[in-house]
Amino acid sequence: MFGVPVVEYCITLIRYKIMISDFDVEELIRGLGNLDDDVDVDEYIYDNFGVEFDSFVKIIETLMPLIVMGQSPLTQKVYKGFGKDGVFFIKQEAD
């Protein structure tokens, strides 16, 4: 179960569709692949994920509202993952 502030934040993100700039996505891609400015990010995305840049942006925009962190009331461990309405779809222990 997520803490109340996290749930309220997620609800706010869902109400207001997130629009991510191409620049931010390019920075994300460069961070993922540890790429310098000489590497073509469109080519990198296609070669590594099999999708075009625009499709990659849509995937990110769809997943962003589902990113949450929460603490287990039983174990007190903190998790990060994708979830909605107080339920994780997929999670891993936070570093």
C-alpha atoms as a PDB file:
ATOM      1  CA  MET A   1       0.000   0.000   0.000  1.00  0.00           C
ATOM      2  CA  PHE A   2       1.284   3.447  -0.845  1.00  0.00           C
ATOM      3  CA  GLY A   3       1.447   6.358   1.552  1.00  0.00           C
ATOM      4  CA  VAL A   4      -1.302   8.972   1.174  1.00  0.00           C
ATOM      5  CA  PRO A   5       0.977  11.701  -0.282  1.00  0.00           C
ATOM      6  CA  VAL A   6       2.197   9.319  -2.993  1.00  0.00           C
ATOM      7  CA  VAL A   7      -1.350   8.300  -3.914  1.00  0.00           C
ATOM      8  CA  GLU A   8      -2.497  11.934  -4.098  1.00  0.00           C
ATOM      9  CA  TYR A   9       0.482  12.770  -6.307  1.00  0.00           C
ATOM     10  CA  CYS A  10      -0.318   9.868  -8.635  1.00  0.00           C
ATOM     11  CA  ILE A  11      -3.949  10.918  -8.877  1.00  0.00           C
ATOM     12  CA  THR A  12      -2.830  14.444  -9.777  1.00  0.00           C
ATOM     13  CA  LEU A  13      -0.567  13.097 -12.522  1.00  0.00           C
ATOM     14  CA  ILE A  14      -3.357  10.951 -13.948  1.00  0.00           C
ATOM     15  CA  ARG A  15      -5.805  13.877 -14.047  1.00  0.00           C
ATOM     16  CA  TYR A  16      -3.360  16.078 -15.938  1.00  0.00           C
ATOM     17  CA  LYS A  17      -1.873  14.156 -18.847  1.00  0.00           C
ATOM     18  CA  ILE A  18       1.859  14.534 -18.808  1.00  0.00           C
ATOM     19  CA  MET A  19       3.448  15.964 -21.906  1.00  0.00           C
ATOM     20  CA  ILE A  20       7.161  15.283 -22.067  1.00  0.00           C
ATOM     21  CA  SER A  21       9.427  17.315 -24.334  1.00  0.00           C
ATOM     22  CA  ASP A  22      11.510  15.625 -26.998  1.00  0.00           C
ATOM     23  CA  PHE A  23      14.564  17.198 -25.369  1.00  0.00           C
ATOM     24  CA  ASP A  24      13.767  15.455 -22.051  1.00  0.00           C
ATOM     25  CA  VAL A  25      13.277  12.128 -23.820  1.00  0.00           C
ATOM     26  CA  GLU A  26      16.545  12.570 -25.669  1.00  0.00           C
ATOM     27  CA  GLU A  27      18.287  13.252 -22.353  1.00  0.00           C
ATOM     28  CA  LEU A  28      16.685  10.102 -20.901  1.00  0.00           C
ATOM     29  CA  ILE A  29      17.895   8.041 -23.860  1.00  0.00           C
ATOM     30  CA  ARG A  30      21.400   9.461 -23.558  1.00  0.00           C
ATOM     31  CA  GLY A  31      21.360   8.603 -19.854  1.00  0.00           C
ATOM     32  CA  LEU A  32      20.079   5.066 -20.490  1.00  0.00           C
ATOM     33  CA  GLY A  33      22.772   4.316 -23.016  1.00  0.00           C
ATOM     34  CA  ASN A  34      25.495   6.535 -21.579  1.00  0.00           C
ATOM     35  CA  LEU A  35      25.565   8.211 -24.995  1.00  0.00           C
ATOM     36  CA  ASP A  36      27.437  11.336 -26.012  1.00  0.00           C
ATOM     37  CA  ASP A  37      26.001  14.033 -28.279  1.00  0.00           C
ATOM     38  CA  ASP A  38      27.411  12.397 -31.422  1.00  0.00           C
ATOM     39  CA  VAL A  39      25.152   9.330 -31.167  1.00  0.00           C
ATOM     40  CA  ASP A  40      21.845   9.363 -33.069  1.00  0.00           C
ATOM     41  CA  VAL A  41      19.195   8.684 -30.399  1.00  0.00           C
ATOM     42  CA  ASP A  42      16.566   7.665 -32.976  1.00  0.00           C
ATOM     43  CA  GLU A  43      18.864   4.937 -34.246  1.00  0.00           C
ATOM     44  CA  TYR A  44      19.803   3.888 -30.697  1.00  0.00           C
ATOM     45  CA  ILE A  45      16.128   3.526 -29.673  1.00  0.00           C
ATOM     46  CA  TYR A  46      15.255   1.526 -32.755  1.00  0.00           C
ATOM     47  CA  ASP A  47      18.312  -0.738 -32.511  1.00  0.00           C
ATOM     48  CA  ASN A  48      17.875  -1.416 -28.772  1.00  0.00           C
ATOM     49  CA  PHE A  49      14.099  -1.358 -28.278  1.00  0.00           C
ATOM     50  CA  GLY A  50      12.672  -1.914 -31.760  1.00  0.00           C
ATOM     51  CA  VAL A  51      10.507   1.213 -31.711  1.00  0.00           C
ATOM     52  CA  GLU A  52      10.583   4.629 -33.322  1.00  0.00           C
ATOM     53  CA  PHE A  53      11.276   7.737 -31.226  1.00  0.00           C
ATOM     54  CA  ASP A  54       7.598   8.860 -31.235  1.00  0.00           C
ATOM     55  CA  SER A  55       6.455   5.460 -29.965  1.00  0.00           C
ATOM     56  CA  PHE A  56       9.087   5.581 -27.225  1.00  0.00           C
ATOM     57  CA  VAL A  57       7.745   9.000 -26.152  1.00  0.00           C
ATOM     58  CA  LYS A  58       4.179   7.640 -25.987  1.00  0.00           C
ATOM     59  CA  ILE A  59       5.333   4.705 -23.839  1.00  0.00           C
ATOM     60  CA  ILE A  60       7.069   7.070 -21.422  1.00  0.00           C
ATOM     61  CA  GLU A  61       4.054   9.398 -21.241  1.00  0.00           C
ATOM     62  CA  THR A  62       1.820   6.422 -20.493  1.00  0.00           C
ATOM     63  CA  LEU A  63       4.090   4.977 -17.792  1.00  0.00           C
ATOM     64  CA  MET A  64       5.027   8.223 -16.005  1.00  0.00           C
ATOM     65  CA  PRO A  65       1.759   8.516 -14.026  1.00  0.00           C
ATOM     66  CA  LEU A  66       2.205   4.943 -12.805  1.00  0.00           C
ATOM     67  CA  ILE A  67       5.658   5.451 -11.251  1.00  0.00           C
ATOM     68  CA  VAL A  68       5.314   5.250  -7.479  1.00  0.00           C
ATOM     69  CA  MET A  69       7.204   4.515  -4.316  1.00  0.00           C
ATOM     70  CA  GLY A  70       5.605   2.922  -1.314  1.00  0.00           C
ATOM     71  CA  GLN A  71       6.453   1.320   1.995  1.00  0.00           C
ATOM     72  CA  SER A  72       5.218  -2.097   2.992  1.00  0.00           C
ATOM     73  CA  PRO A  73       3.221  -1.872   6.220  1.00  0.00           C
ATOM     74  CA  LEU A  74       4.352  -5.413   7.110  1.00  0.00           C
ATOM     75  CA  THR A  75       8.087  -5.307   6.406  1.00  0.00           C
ATOM     76  CA  GLN A  76       8.673  -1.521   6.370  1.00  0.00           C
ATOM     77  CA  LYS A  77      10.694  -2.034   3.167  1.00  0.00           C
ATOM     78  CA  VAL A  78      10.457   0.733   0.573  1.00  0.00           C
ATOM     79  CA  TYR A  79       9.576  -0.260  -2.981  1.00  0.00           C
ATOM     80  CA  LYS A  80       9.567   1.527  -6.315  1.00  0.00           C
ATOM     81  CA  GLY A  81       7.626   0.444  -9.337  1.00  0.00           C
ATOM     82  CA  PHE A  82       4.514   0.919 -11.389  1.00  0.00           C
ATOM     83  CA  GLY A  83       1.158   1.010  -9.673  1.00  0.00           C
ATOM     84  CA  LYS A  84      -2.258   2.575  -9.418  1.00  0.00           C
ATOM     85  CA  ASP A  85      -4.980   2.871  -6.801  1.00  0.00           C
ATOM     86  CA  GLY A  86      -2.680   1.652  -4.025  1.00  0.00           C
ATOM     87  CA  VAL A  87      -1.597  -1.524  -5.829  1.00  0.00           C
ATOM     88  CA  PHE A  88       1.764  -2.235  -7.465  1.00  0.00           C
ATOM     89  CA  PHE A  89       1.641  -3.854 -10.889  1.00  0.00           C
ATOM     90  CA  ILE A  90       5.386  -4.471 -10.726  1.00  0.00           C
ATOM     91  CA  LYS A  91       7.855  -3.451  -8.059  1.00  0.00           C
ATOM     92  CA  GLN A  92      11.350  -3.844  -6.715  1.00  0.00           C
ATOM     93  CA  GLU A  93      12.956  -2.851  -3.492  1.00  0.00           C
ATOM     94  CA  ALA A  94      14.231   0.714  -3.638  1.00  0.00           C
ATOM     95  CA  ASP A  95      17.963   1.272  -3.398  1.00  0.00           C
END
